[in-house]
ModelCIF file with pLDDT and N, C-alpha, C, O atoms, coordinates in Angstrom:
data_MODEL
#
_entry.id   MODEL 
#
_entity.id                         1 
_entity.type                       polymer 
_entity.pdbx_number_of_molecules   1 
#
_entity_poly.entity_id                      1 
_entity_poly.type                           'polypeptide(L)' 
_entity_poly.nstd_linkage                   no 
_entity_poly.nstd_monomer                   no 
_entity_poly.pdbx_seq_one_letter_code       RLGNRTNLMEAATLGAAANAAQANAFAANVLPVVKSIQASGVTSLRGI 
_entity_poly.pdbx_seq_one_letter_code_can   RLGNRTNLMEAATLGAAANAAQANAFAANVLPVVKSIQASGVTSLRGI 
_entity_poly.pdbx_strand_id                 A 
#
loop_
_entity_poly_seq.entity_id 
_entity_poly_seq.num 
_entity_poly_seq.mon_id 
_entity_poly_seq.hetero 
1 1  ARG n 
1 2  LEU n 
1 3  GLY n 
1 4  ASN n 
1 5  ARG n 
1 6  THR n 
1 7  ASN n 
1 8  LEU n 
1 9  MET n 
1 10 GLU n 
1 11 ALA n 
1 12 ALA n 
1 13 THR n 
1 14 LEU n 
1 15 GLY n 
1 16 ALA n 
1 17 ALA n 
1 18 ALA n 
1 19 ASN n 
1 20 ALA n 
1 21 ALA n 
1 22 GLN n 
1 23 ALA n 
1 24 ASN n 
1 25 ALA n 
1 26 PHE n 
1 27 ALA n 
1 28 ALA n 
1 29 ASN n 
1 30 VAL n 
1 31 LEU n 
1 32 PRO n 
1 33 VAL n 
1 34 VAL n 
1 35 LYS n 
1 36 SER n 
1 37 ILE n 
1 38 GLN n 
1 39 ALA n 
1 40 SER n 
1 41 GLY n 
1 42 VAL n 
1 43 THR n 
1 44 SER n 
1 45 LEU n 
1 46 ARG n 
1 47 GLY n 
1 48 ILE n 
#
_struct_asym.id          A 
_struct_asym.entity_id   1 
#
loop_
_ma_qa_metric.id 
_ma_qa_metric.mode 
_ma_qa_metric.name 
_ma_qa_metric.software_group_id 
_ma_qa_metric.type 
1 global pLDDT . pLDDT 
2 local  pLDDT . pLDDT 
#
_ma_qa_metric_global.metric_id      1 
_ma_qa_metric_global.metric_value   71.79 
_ma_qa_metric_global.model_id       1 
_ma_qa_metric_global.ordinal_id     1 
#
loop_
_ma_qa_metric_local.label_asym_id 
_ma_qa_metric_local.label_comp_id 
_ma_qa_metric_local.label_seq_id 
_ma_qa_metric_local.metric_id 
_ma_qa_metric_local.metric_value 
_ma_qa_metric_local.model_id 
_ma_qa_metric_local.ordinal_id 
A ARG 1  2 59.00 1 1  
A LEU 2  2 56.00 1 2  
A GLY 3  2 57.00 1 3  
A ASN 4  2 56.00 1 4  
A ARG 5  2 55.00 1 5  
A THR 6  2 55.00 1 6  
A ASN 7  2 56.00 1 7  
A LEU 8  2 55.00 1 8  
A MET 9  2 62.00 1 9  
A GLU 10 2 59.00 1 10 
A ALA 11 2 55.00 1 11 
A ALA 12 2 59.00 1 12 
A THR 13 2 65.00 1 13 
A LEU 14 2 59.00 1 14 
A GLY 15 2 59.00 1 15 
A ALA 16 2 64.00 1 16 
A ALA 17 2 63.00 1 17 
A ALA 18 2 60.00 1 18 
A ASN 19 2 63.00 1 19 
A ALA 20 2 67.00 1 20 
A ALA 21 2 66.00 1 21 
A GLN 22 2 68.00 1 22 
A ALA 23 2 70.00 1 23 
A ASN 24 2 73.00 1 24 
A ALA 25 2 71.00 1 25 
A PHE 26 2 72.00 1 26 
A ALA 27 2 74.00 1 27 
A ALA 28 2 73.00 1 28 
A ASN 29 2 70.00 1 29 
A VAL 30 2 76.00 1 30 
A LEU 31 2 79.00 1 31 
A PRO 32 2 76.00 1 32 
A VAL 33 2 79.00 1 33 
A VAL 34 2 83.00 1 34 
A LYS 35 2 83.00 1 35 
A SER 36 2 78.00 1 36 
A ILE 37 2 85.00 1 37 
A GLN 38 2 88.00 1 38 
A ALA 39 2 86.00 1 39 
A SER 40 2 84.00 1 40 
A GLY 41 2 89.00 1 41 
A VAL 42 2 89.00 1 42 
A THR 43 2 90.00 1 43 
A SER 44 2 93.00 1 44 
A LEU 45 2 92.00 1 45 
A ARG 46 2 93.00 1 46 
A GLY 47 2 92.00 1 47 
A ILE 48 2 90.00 1 48 
#
loop_
_atom_site.group_PDB 
_atom_site.id 
_atom_site.type_symbol 
_atom_site.label_atom_id 
_atom_site.label_alt_id 
_atom_site.label_comp_id 
_atom_site.label_asym_id 
_atom_site.label_entity_id 
_atom_site.label_seq_id 
_atom_site.pdbx_PDB_ins_code 
_atom_site.Cartn_x 
_atom_site.Cartn_y 
_atom_site.Cartn_z 
_atom_site.occupancy 
_atom_site.B_iso_or_equiv 
_atom_site.pdbx_formal_charge 
_atom_site.auth_seq_id 
_atom_site.auth_comp_id 
_atom_site.auth_asym_id 
_atom_site.auth_atom_id 
_atom_site.pdbx_PDB_model_num 
ATOM 1   N N  . ARG A 1 1  ? 8.035   -16.283 -22.403 1.00 59.00 ? 1  ARG A N  1 
ATOM 2   C CA . ARG A 1 1  ? 8.568   -15.501 -21.279 1.00 59.00 ? 1  ARG A CA 1 
ATOM 3   C C  . ARG A 1 1  ? 7.691   -15.758 -20.068 1.00 59.00 ? 1  ARG A C  1 
ATOM 4   O O  . ARG A 1 1  ? 6.491   -15.483 -20.082 1.00 59.00 ? 1  ARG A O  1 
ATOM 5   N N  . LEU A 1 2  ? 8.300   -16.282 -19.034 1.00 56.00 ? 2  LEU A N  1 
ATOM 6   C CA . LEU A 1 2  ? 7.551   -16.573 -17.803 1.00 56.00 ? 2  LEU A CA 1 
ATOM 7   C C  . LEU A 1 2  ? 7.498   -15.292 -16.975 1.00 56.00 ? 2  LEU A C  1 
ATOM 8   O O  . LEU A 1 2  ? 8.464   -14.913 -16.313 1.00 56.00 ? 2  LEU A O  1 
ATOM 9   N N  . GLY A 1 3  ? 6.358   -14.648 -17.034 1.00 57.00 ? 3  GLY A N  1 
ATOM 10  C CA . GLY A 1 3  ? 6.248   -13.368 -16.339 1.00 57.00 ? 3  GLY A CA 1 
ATOM 11  C C  . GLY A 1 3  ? 6.038   -12.270 -17.357 1.00 57.00 ? 3  GLY A C  1 
ATOM 12  O O  . GLY A 1 3  ? 6.529   -12.355 -18.483 1.00 57.00 ? 3  GLY A O  1 
ATOM 13  N N  . ASN A 1 4  ? 5.326   -11.262 -16.975 1.00 56.00 ? 4  ASN A N  1 
ATOM 14  C CA . ASN A 1 4  ? 5.014   -10.173 -17.890 1.00 56.00 ? 4  ASN A CA 1 
ATOM 15  C C  . ASN A 1 4  ? 5.313   -8.857  -17.205 1.00 56.00 ? 4  ASN A C  1 
ATOM 16  O O  . ASN A 1 4  ? 4.607   -8.450  -16.283 1.00 56.00 ? 4  ASN A O  1 
ATOM 17  N N  . ARG A 1 5  ? 6.371   -8.191  -17.664 1.00 55.00 ? 5  ARG A N  1 
ATOM 18  C CA . ARG A 1 5  ? 6.792   -6.953  -17.007 1.00 55.00 ? 5  ARG A CA 1 
ATOM 19  C C  . ARG A 1 5  ? 5.924   -5.765  -17.390 1.00 55.00 ? 5  ARG A C  1 
ATOM 20  O O  . ARG A 1 5  ? 6.105   -4.672  -16.852 1.00 55.00 ? 5  ARG A O  1 
ATOM 21  N N  . THR A 1 6  ? 4.992   -5.957  -18.304 1.00 55.00 ? 6  THR A N  1 
ATOM 22  C CA . THR A 1 6  ? 4.161   -4.831  -18.738 1.00 55.00 ? 6  THR A CA 1 
ATOM 23  C C  . THR A 1 6  ? 2.889   -4.693  -17.912 1.00 55.00 ? 6  THR A C  1 
ATOM 24  O O  . THR A 1 6  ? 2.148   -3.722  -18.063 1.00 55.00 ? 6  THR A O  1 
ATOM 25  N N  . ASN A 1 7  ? 2.637   -5.667  -17.035 1.00 56.00 ? 7  ASN A N  1 
ATOM 26  C CA . ASN A 1 7  ? 1.383   -5.597  -16.277 1.00 56.00 ? 7  ASN A CA 1 
ATOM 27  C C  . ASN A 1 7  ? 1.652   -5.548  -14.777 1.00 56.00 ? 7  ASN A C  1 
ATOM 28  O O  . ASN A 1 7  ? 0.936   -6.164  -13.988 1.00 56.00 ? 7  ASN A O  1 
ATOM 29  N N  . LEU A 1 8  ? 2.693   -4.808  -14.393 1.00 55.00 ? 8  LEU A N  1 
ATOM 30  C CA . LEU A 1 8  ? 3.054   -4.738  -12.978 1.00 55.00 ? 8  LEU A CA 1 
ATOM 31  C C  . LEU A 1 8  ? 1.938   -4.116  -12.143 1.00 55.00 ? 8  LEU A C  1 
ATOM 32  O O  . LEU A 1 8  ? 1.683   -4.561  -11.024 1.00 55.00 ? 8  LEU A O  1 
ATOM 33  N N  . MET A 1 9  ? 1.271   -3.089  -12.677 1.00 62.00 ? 9  MET A N  1 
ATOM 34  C CA . MET A 1 9  ? 0.186   -2.449  -11.933 1.00 62.00 ? 9  MET A CA 1 
ATOM 35  C C  . MET A 1 9  ? -0.960  -3.418  -11.698 1.00 62.00 ? 9  MET A C  1 
ATOM 36  O O  . MET A 1 9  ? -1.529  -3.482  -10.608 1.00 62.00 ? 9  MET A O  1 
ATOM 37  N N  . GLU A 1 10 ? -1.292  -4.180  -12.754 1.00 59.00 ? 10 GLU A N  1 
ATOM 38  C CA . GLU A 1 10 ? -2.368  -5.175  -12.627 1.00 59.00 ? 10 GLU A CA 1 
ATOM 39  C C  . GLU A 1 10 ? -1.990  -6.246  -11.613 1.00 59.00 ? 10 GLU A C  1 
ATOM 40  O O  . GLU A 1 10 ? -2.816  -6.669  -10.804 1.00 59.00 ? 10 GLU A O  1 
ATOM 41  N N  . ALA A 1 11 ? -0.722  -6.684  -11.664 1.00 55.00 ? 11 ALA A N  1 
ATOM 42  C CA . ALA A 1 11 ? -0.259  -7.705  -10.725 1.00 55.00 ? 11 ALA A CA 1 
ATOM 43  C C  . ALA A 1 11 ? -0.310  -7.193  -9.296  1.00 55.00 ? 11 ALA A C  1 
ATOM 44  O O  . ALA A 1 11 ? -0.697  -7.918  -8.379  1.00 55.00 ? 11 ALA A O  1 
ATOM 45  N N  . ALA A 1 12 ? 0.084   -5.937  -9.114  1.00 59.00 ? 12 ALA A N  1 
ATOM 46  C CA . ALA A 1 12 ? 0.050   -5.352  -7.767  1.00 59.00 ? 12 ALA A CA 1 
ATOM 47  C C  . ALA A 1 12 ? -1.379  -5.273  -7.248  1.00 59.00 ? 12 ALA A C  1 
ATOM 48  O O  . ALA A 1 12 ? -1.639  -5.545  -6.075  1.00 59.00 ? 12 ALA A O  1 
ATOM 49  N N  . THR A 1 13 ? -2.309  -4.898  -8.133  1.00 65.00 ? 13 THR A N  1 
ATOM 50  C CA . THR A 1 13 ? -3.716  -4.817  -7.733  1.00 65.00 ? 13 THR A CA 1 
ATOM 51  C C  . THR A 1 13 ? -4.256  -6.182  -7.342  1.00 65.00 ? 13 THR A C  1 
ATOM 52  O O  . THR A 1 13 ? -4.953  -6.328  -6.338  1.00 65.00 ? 13 THR A O  1 
ATOM 53  N N  . LEU A 1 14 ? -3.918  -7.189  -8.161  1.00 59.00 ? 14 LEU A N  1 
ATOM 54  C CA . LEU A 1 14 ? -4.368  -8.546  -7.858  1.00 59.00 ? 14 LEU A CA 1 
ATOM 55  C C  . LEU A 1 14 ? -3.745  -9.041  -6.559  1.00 59.00 ? 14 LEU A C  1 
ATOM 56  O O  . LEU A 1 14 ? -4.394  -9.728  -5.771  1.00 59.00 ? 14 LEU A O  1 
ATOM 57  N N  . GLY A 1 15 ? -2.481  -8.685  -6.344  1.00 59.00 ? 15 GLY A N  1 
ATOM 58  C CA . GLY A 1 15 ? -1.818  -9.090  -5.103  1.00 59.00 ? 15 GLY A CA 1 
ATOM 59  C C  . GLY A 1 15 ? -2.475  -8.470  -3.888  1.00 59.00 ? 15 GLY A C  1 
ATOM 60  O O  . GLY A 1 15 ? -2.666  -9.136  -2.870  1.00 59.00 ? 15 GLY A O  1 
ATOM 61  N N  . ALA A 1 16 ? -2.823  -7.189  -3.993  1.00 64.00 ? 16 ALA A N  1 
ATOM 62  C CA . ALA A 1 16 ? -3.488  -6.518  -2.879  1.00 64.00 ? 16 ALA A CA 1 
ATOM 63  C C  . ALA A 1 16 ? -4.851  -7.144  -2.607  1.00 64.00 ? 16 ALA A C  1 
ATOM 64  O O  . ALA A 1 16 ? -5.247  -7.310  -1.453  1.00 64.00 ? 16 ALA A O  1 
ATOM 65  N N  . ALA A 1 17 ? -5.569  -7.491  -3.678  1.00 63.00 ? 17 ALA A N  1 
ATOM 66  C CA . ALA A 1 17 ? -6.878  -8.125  -3.518  1.00 63.00 ? 17 ALA A CA 1 
ATOM 67  C C  . ALA A 1 17 ? -6.732  -9.490  -2.848  1.00 63.00 ? 17 ALA A C  1 
ATOM 68  O O  . ALA A 1 17 ? -7.533  -9.859  -1.989  1.00 63.00 ? 17 ALA A O  1 
ATOM 69  N N  . ALA A 1 18 ? -5.696  -10.236 -3.251  1.00 60.00 ? 18 ALA A N  1 
ATOM 70  C CA . ALA A 1 18 ? -5.461  -11.555 -2.650  1.00 60.00 ? 18 ALA A CA 1 
ATOM 71  C C  . ALA A 1 18 ? -5.127  -11.427 -1.177  1.00 60.00 ? 18 ALA A C  1 
ATOM 72  O O  . ALA A 1 18 ? -5.596  -12.217 -0.358  1.00 60.00 ? 18 ALA A O  1 
ATOM 73  N N  . ASN A 1 19 ? -4.310  -10.425 -0.834  1.00 63.00 ? 19 ASN A N  1 
ATOM 74  C CA . ASN A 1 19 ? -3.956  -10.209 0.574   1.00 63.00 ? 19 ASN A CA 1 
ATOM 75  C C  . ASN A 1 19 ? -5.188  -9.846  1.388   1.00 63.00 ? 19 ASN A C  1 
ATOM 76  O O  . ASN A 1 19 ? -5.351  -10.308 2.517   1.00 63.00 ? 19 ASN A O  1 
ATOM 77  N N  . ALA A 1 20 ? -6.057  -9.016  0.813   1.00 67.00 ? 20 ALA A N  1 
ATOM 78  C CA . ALA A 1 20 ? -7.276  -8.620  1.518   1.00 67.00 ? 20 ALA A CA 1 
ATOM 79  C C  . ALA A 1 20 ? -8.188  -9.816  1.725   1.00 67.00 ? 20 ALA A C  1 
ATOM 80  O O  . ALA A 1 20 ? -8.775  -9.973  2.796   1.00 67.00 ? 20 ALA A O  1 
ATOM 81  N N  . ALA A 1 21 ? -8.312  -10.666 0.702   1.00 66.00 ? 21 ALA A N  1 
ATOM 82  C CA . ALA A 1 21 ? -9.152  -11.858 0.820   1.00 66.00 ? 21 ALA A CA 1 
ATOM 83  C C  . ALA A 1 21 ? -8.601  -12.795 1.893   1.00 66.00 ? 21 ALA A C  1 
ATOM 84  O O  . ALA A 1 21 ? -9.359  -13.387 2.662   1.00 66.00 ? 21 ALA A O  1 
ATOM 85  N N  . GLN A 1 22 ? -7.274  -12.924 1.935   1.00 68.00 ? 22 GLN A N  1 
ATOM 86  C CA . GLN A 1 22 ? -6.651  -13.780 2.939   1.00 68.00 ? 22 GLN A CA 1 
ATOM 87  C C  . GLN A 1 22 ? -6.894  -13.233 4.340   1.00 68.00 ? 22 GLN A C  1 
ATOM 88  O O  . GLN A 1 22 ? -7.179  -13.990 5.268   1.00 68.00 ? 22 GLN A O  1 
ATOM 89  N N  . ALA A 1 23 ? -6.780  -11.899 4.492   1.00 70.00 ? 23 ALA A N  1 
ATOM 90  C CA . ALA A 1 23 ? -7.017  -11.285 5.794   1.00 70.00 ? 23 ALA A CA 1 
ATOM 91  C C  . ALA A 1 23 ? -8.466  -11.464 6.222   1.00 70.00 ? 23 ALA A C  1 
ATOM 92  O O  . ALA A 1 23 ? -8.746  -11.704 7.397   1.00 70.00 ? 23 ALA A O  1 
ATOM 93  N N  . ASN A 1 24 ? -9.389  -11.345 5.269   1.00 73.00 ? 24 ASN A N  1 
ATOM 94  C CA . ASN A 1 24 ? -10.806 -11.542 5.591   1.00 73.00 ? 24 ASN A CA 1 
ATOM 95  C C  . ASN A 1 24 ? -11.086 -12.982 6.003   1.00 73.00 ? 24 ASN A C  1 
ATOM 96  O O  . ASN A 1 24 ? -11.878 -13.229 6.913   1.00 73.00 ? 24 ASN A O  1 
ATOM 97  N N  . ALA A 1 25 ? -10.433 -13.936 5.332   1.00 71.00 ? 25 ALA A N  1 
ATOM 98  C CA . ALA A 1 25 ? -10.613 -15.345 5.672   1.00 71.00 ? 25 ALA A CA 1 
ATOM 99  C C  . ALA A 1 25 ? -10.086 -15.620 7.070   1.00 71.00 ? 25 ALA A C  1 
ATOM 100 O O  . ALA A 1 25 ? -10.711 -16.343 7.846   1.00 71.00 ? 25 ALA A O  1 
ATOM 101 N N  . PHE A 1 26 ? -8.941  -15.044 7.388   1.00 72.00 ? 26 PHE A N  1 
ATOM 102 C CA . PHE A 1 26 ? -8.371  -15.240 8.722   1.00 72.00 ? 26 PHE A CA 1 
ATOM 103 C C  . PHE A 1 26 ? -9.303  -14.648 9.779   1.00 72.00 ? 26 PHE A C  1 
ATOM 104 O O  . PHE A 1 26 ? -9.544  -15.269 10.814  1.00 72.00 ? 26 PHE A O  1 
ATOM 105 N N  . ALA A 1 27 ? -9.825  -13.452 9.519   1.00 74.00 ? 27 ALA A N  1 
ATOM 106 C CA . ALA A 1 27 ? -10.733 -12.807 10.461  1.00 74.00 ? 27 ALA A CA 1 
ATOM 107 C C  . ALA A 1 27 ? -11.974 -13.669 10.696  1.00 74.00 ? 27 ALA A C  1 
ATOM 108 O O  . ALA A 1 27 ? -12.452 -13.782 11.825  1.00 74.00 ? 27 ALA A O  1 
ATOM 109 N N  . ALA A 1 28 ? -12.491 -14.275 9.625   1.00 73.00 ? 28 ALA A N  1 
ATOM 110 C CA . ALA A 1 28 ? -13.666 -15.146 9.754   1.00 73.00 ? 28 ALA A CA 1 
ATOM 111 C C  . ALA A 1 28 ? -13.334 -16.370 10.600  1.00 73.00 ? 28 ALA A C  1 
ATOM 112 O O  . ALA A 1 28 ? -14.172 -16.848 11.364  1.00 73.00 ? 28 ALA A O  1 
ATOM 113 N N  . ASN A 1 29 ? -12.111 -16.875 10.461  1.00 70.00 ? 29 ASN A N  1 
ATOM 114 C CA . ASN A 1 29 ? -11.699 -18.047 11.228  1.00 70.00 ? 29 ASN A CA 1 
ATOM 115 C C  . ASN A 1 29 ? -11.590 -17.753 12.718  1.00 70.00 ? 29 ASN A C  1 
ATOM 116 O O  . ASN A 1 29 ? -12.025 -18.546 13.553  1.00 70.00 ? 29 ASN A O  1 
ATOM 117 N N  . VAL A 1 30 ? -11.004 -16.602 13.040  1.00 76.00 ? 30 VAL A N  1 
ATOM 118 C CA . VAL A 1 30 ? -10.698 -16.304 14.434  1.00 76.00 ? 30 VAL A CA 1 
ATOM 119 C C  . VAL A 1 30 ? -11.881 -15.660 15.162  1.00 76.00 ? 30 VAL A C  1 
ATOM 120 O O  . VAL A 1 30 ? -11.899 -15.617 16.392  1.00 76.00 ? 30 VAL A O  1 
ATOM 121 N N  . LEU A 1 31 ? -12.871 -15.157 14.410  1.00 79.00 ? 31 LEU A N  1 
ATOM 122 C CA . LEU A 1 31 ? -14.002 -14.473 15.034  1.00 79.00 ? 31 LEU A CA 1 
ATOM 123 C C  . LEU A 1 31 ? -14.735 -15.337 16.059  1.00 79.00 ? 31 LEU A C  1 
ATOM 124 O O  . LEU A 1 31 ? -15.063 -14.831 17.132  1.00 79.00 ? 31 LEU A O  1 
ATOM 125 N N  . PRO A 1 32 ? -15.015 -16.648 15.777  1.00 76.00 ? 32 PRO A N  1 
ATOM 126 C CA . PRO A 1 32 ? -15.684 -17.462 16.803  1.00 76.00 ? 32 PRO A CA 1 
ATOM 127 C C  . PRO A 1 32 ? -14.903 -17.550 18.106  1.00 76.00 ? 32 PRO A C  1 
ATOM 128 O O  . PRO A 1 32 ? -15.489 -17.634 19.185  1.00 76.00 ? 32 PRO A O  1 
ATOM 129 N N  . VAL A 1 33 ? -13.574 -17.531 18.002  1.00 79.00 ? 33 VAL A N  1 
ATOM 130 C CA . VAL A 1 33 ? -12.744 -17.564 19.216  1.00 79.00 ? 33 VAL A CA 1 
ATOM 131 C C  . VAL A 1 33 ? -12.913 -16.263 19.982  1.00 79.00 ? 33 VAL A C  1 
ATOM 132 O O  . VAL A 1 33 ? -13.064 -16.271 21.204  1.00 79.00 ? 33 VAL A O  1 
ATOM 133 N N  . VAL A 1 34 ? -12.889 -15.141 19.263  1.00 83.00 ? 34 VAL A N  1 
ATOM 134 C CA . VAL A 1 34 ? -13.061 -13.833 19.896  1.00 83.00 ? 34 VAL A CA 1 
ATOM 135 C C  . VAL A 1 34 ? -14.432 -13.743 20.563  1.00 83.00 ? 34 VAL A C  1 
ATOM 136 O O  . VAL A 1 34 ? -14.552 -13.230 21.675  1.00 83.00 ? 34 VAL A O  1 
ATOM 137 N N  . LYS A 1 35 ? -15.457 -14.240 19.886  1.00 83.00 ? 35 LYS A N  1 
ATOM 138 C CA . LYS A 1 35 ? -16.812 -14.212 20.443  1.00 83.00 ? 35 LYS A CA 1 
ATOM 139 C C  . LYS A 1 35 ? -16.893 -15.021 21.739  1.00 83.00 ? 35 LYS A C  1 
ATOM 140 O O  . LYS A 1 35 ? -17.555 -14.614 22.693  1.00 83.00 ? 35 LYS A O  1 
ATOM 141 N N  . SER A 1 36 ? -16.214 -16.168 21.763  1.00 78.00 ? 36 SER A N  1 
ATOM 142 C CA . SER A 1 36 ? -16.240 -16.996 22.973  1.00 78.00 ? 36 SER A CA 1 
ATOM 143 C C  . SER A 1 36 ? -15.515 -16.304 24.114  1.00 78.00 ? 36 SER A C  1 
ATOM 144 O O  . SER A 1 36 ? -15.913 -16.430 25.272  1.00 78.00 ? 36 SER A O  1 
ATOM 145 N N  . ILE A 1 37 ? -14.448 -15.571 23.794  1.00 85.00 ? 37 ILE A N  1 
ATOM 146 C CA . ILE A 1 37 ? -13.720 -14.812 24.812  1.00 85.00 ? 37 ILE A CA 1 
ATOM 147 C C  . ILE A 1 37 ? -14.607 -13.697 25.361  1.00 85.00 ? 37 ILE A C  1 
ATOM 148 O O  . ILE A 1 37 ? -14.659 -13.473 26.570  1.00 85.00 ? 37 ILE A O  1 
ATOM 149 N N  . GLN A 1 38 ? -15.303 -13.002 24.461  1.00 88.00 ? 38 GLN A N  1 
ATOM 150 C CA . GLN A 1 38 ? -16.211 -11.937 24.896  1.00 88.00 ? 38 GLN A CA 1 
ATOM 151 C C  . GLN A 1 38 ? -17.340 -12.496 25.764  1.00 88.00 ? 38 GLN A C  1 
ATOM 152 O O  . GLN A 1 38 ? -17.747 -11.875 26.746  1.00 88.00 ? 38 GLN A O  1 
ATOM 153 N N  . ALA A 1 39 ? -17.837 -13.672 25.391  1.00 86.00 ? 39 ALA A N  1 
ATOM 154 C CA . ALA A 1 39 ? -18.923 -14.293 26.151  1.00 86.00 ? 39 ALA A CA 1 
ATOM 155 C C  . ALA A 1 39 ? -18.472 -14.677 27.556  1.00 86.00 ? 39 ALA A C  1 
ATOM 156 O O  . ALA A 1 39 ? -19.286 -14.751 28.476  1.00 86.00 ? 39 ALA A O  1 
ATOM 157 N N  . SER A 1 40 ? -17.170 -14.921 27.719  1.00 84.00 ? 40 SER A N  1 
ATOM 158 C CA . SER A 1 40 ? -16.652 -15.291 29.044  1.00 84.00 ? 40 SER A CA 1 
ATOM 159 C C  . SER A 1 40 ? -16.477 -14.077 29.948  1.00 84.00 ? 40 SER A C  1 
ATOM 160 O O  . SER A 1 40 ? -16.139 -14.220 31.124  1.00 84.00 ? 40 SER A O  1 
ATOM 161 N N  . GLY A 1 41 ? -16.707 -12.872 29.401  1.00 89.00 ? 41 GLY A N  1 
ATOM 162 C CA . GLY A 1 41 ? -16.623 -11.668 30.214  1.00 89.00 ? 41 GLY A CA 1 
ATOM 163 C C  . GLY A 1 41 ? -15.463 -10.758 29.884  1.00 89.00 ? 41 GLY A C  1 
ATOM 164 O O  . GLY A 1 41 ? -15.355 -9.668  30.446  1.00 89.00 ? 41 GLY A O  1 
ATOM 165 N N  . VAL A 1 42 ? -14.591 -11.181 28.983  1.00 89.00 ? 42 VAL A N  1 
ATOM 166 C CA . VAL A 1 42 ? -13.455 -10.351 28.579  1.00 89.00 ? 42 VAL A CA 1 
ATOM 167 C C  . VAL A 1 42 ? -13.885 -9.544  27.352  1.00 89.00 ? 42 VAL A C  1 
ATOM 168 O O  . VAL A 1 42 ? -14.022 -10.099 26.261  1.00 89.00 ? 42 VAL A O  1 
ATOM 169 N N  . THR A 1 43 ? -14.094 -8.257  27.524  1.00 90.00 ? 43 THR A N  1 
ATOM 170 C CA . THR A 1 43 ? -14.663 -7.461  26.435  1.00 90.00 ? 43 THR A CA 1 
ATOM 171 C C  . THR A 1 43 ? -13.736 -6.377  25.901  1.00 90.00 ? 43 THR A C  1 
ATOM 172 O O  . THR A 1 43 ? -13.959 -5.877  24.799  1.00 90.00 ? 43 THR A O  1 
ATOM 173 N N  . SER A 1 44 ? -12.706 -6.001  26.648  1.00 93.00 ? 44 SER A N  1 
ATOM 174 C CA . SER A 1 44 ? -11.803 -4.955  26.158  1.00 93.00 ? 44 SER A CA 1 
ATOM 175 C C  . SER A 1 44 ? -10.889 -5.518  25.079  1.00 93.00 ? 44 SER A C  1 
ATOM 176 O O  . SER A 1 44 ? -10.556 -6.703  25.090  1.00 93.00 ? 44 SER A O  1 
ATOM 177 N N  . LEU A 1 45 ? -10.489 -4.661  24.152  1.00 92.00 ? 45 LEU A N  1 
ATOM 178 C CA . LEU A 1 45 ? -9.609  -5.093  23.076  1.00 92.00 ? 45 LEU A CA 1 
ATOM 179 C C  . LEU A 1 45 ? -8.289  -5.625  23.625  1.00 92.00 ? 45 LEU A C  1 
ATOM 180 O O  . LEU A 1 45 ? -7.767  -6.631  23.145  1.00 92.00 ? 45 LEU A O  1 
ATOM 181 N N  . ARG A 1 46 ? -7.758  -4.942  24.632  1.00 93.00 ? 46 ARG A N  1 
ATOM 182 C CA . ARG A 1 46 ? -6.484  -5.383  25.220  1.00 93.00 ? 46 ARG A CA 1 
ATOM 183 C C  . ARG A 1 46 ? -6.660  -6.727  25.919  1.00 93.00 ? 46 ARG A C  1 
ATOM 184 O O  . ARG A 1 46 ? -5.779  -7.584  25.846  1.00 93.00 ? 46 ARG A O  1 
ATOM 185 N N  . GLY A 1 47 ? -7.789  -6.915  26.595  1.00 92.00 ? 47 GLY A N  1 
ATOM 186 C CA . GLY A 1 47 ? -8.039  -8.188  27.278  1.00 92.00 ? 47 GLY A CA 1 
ATOM 187 C C  . GLY A 1 47 ? -8.199  -9.336  26.297  1.00 92.00 ? 47 GLY A C  1 
ATOM 188 O O  . GLY A 1 47 ? -7.696  -10.435 26.532  1.00 92.00 ? 47 GLY A O  1 
ATOM 189 N N  . ILE A 1 48 ? -8.908  -9.081  25.187  1.00 90.00 ? 48 ILE A N  1 
ATOM 190 C CA . ILE A 1 48 ? -9.083  -10.110 24.155  1.00 90.00 ? 48 ILE A CA 1 
ATOM 191 C C  . ILE A 1 48 ? -7.729  -10.485 23.560  1.00 90.00 ? 48 ILE A C  1 
ATOM 192 O O  . ILE A 1 48 ? -7.659  -11.336 22.673  1.00 90.00 ? 48 ILE A O  1 
#
């Protein structure tokens, strides 16, 4: 059986963890760009 319907809670937890890891990776990628924008004098969240 491809798939296990008895571990939906575990799958959901793993999915949430994967989404969080992906979001953290994206944040790490874009942070240098944000820092360069802040260094140019744009410091407000809306301006960034």
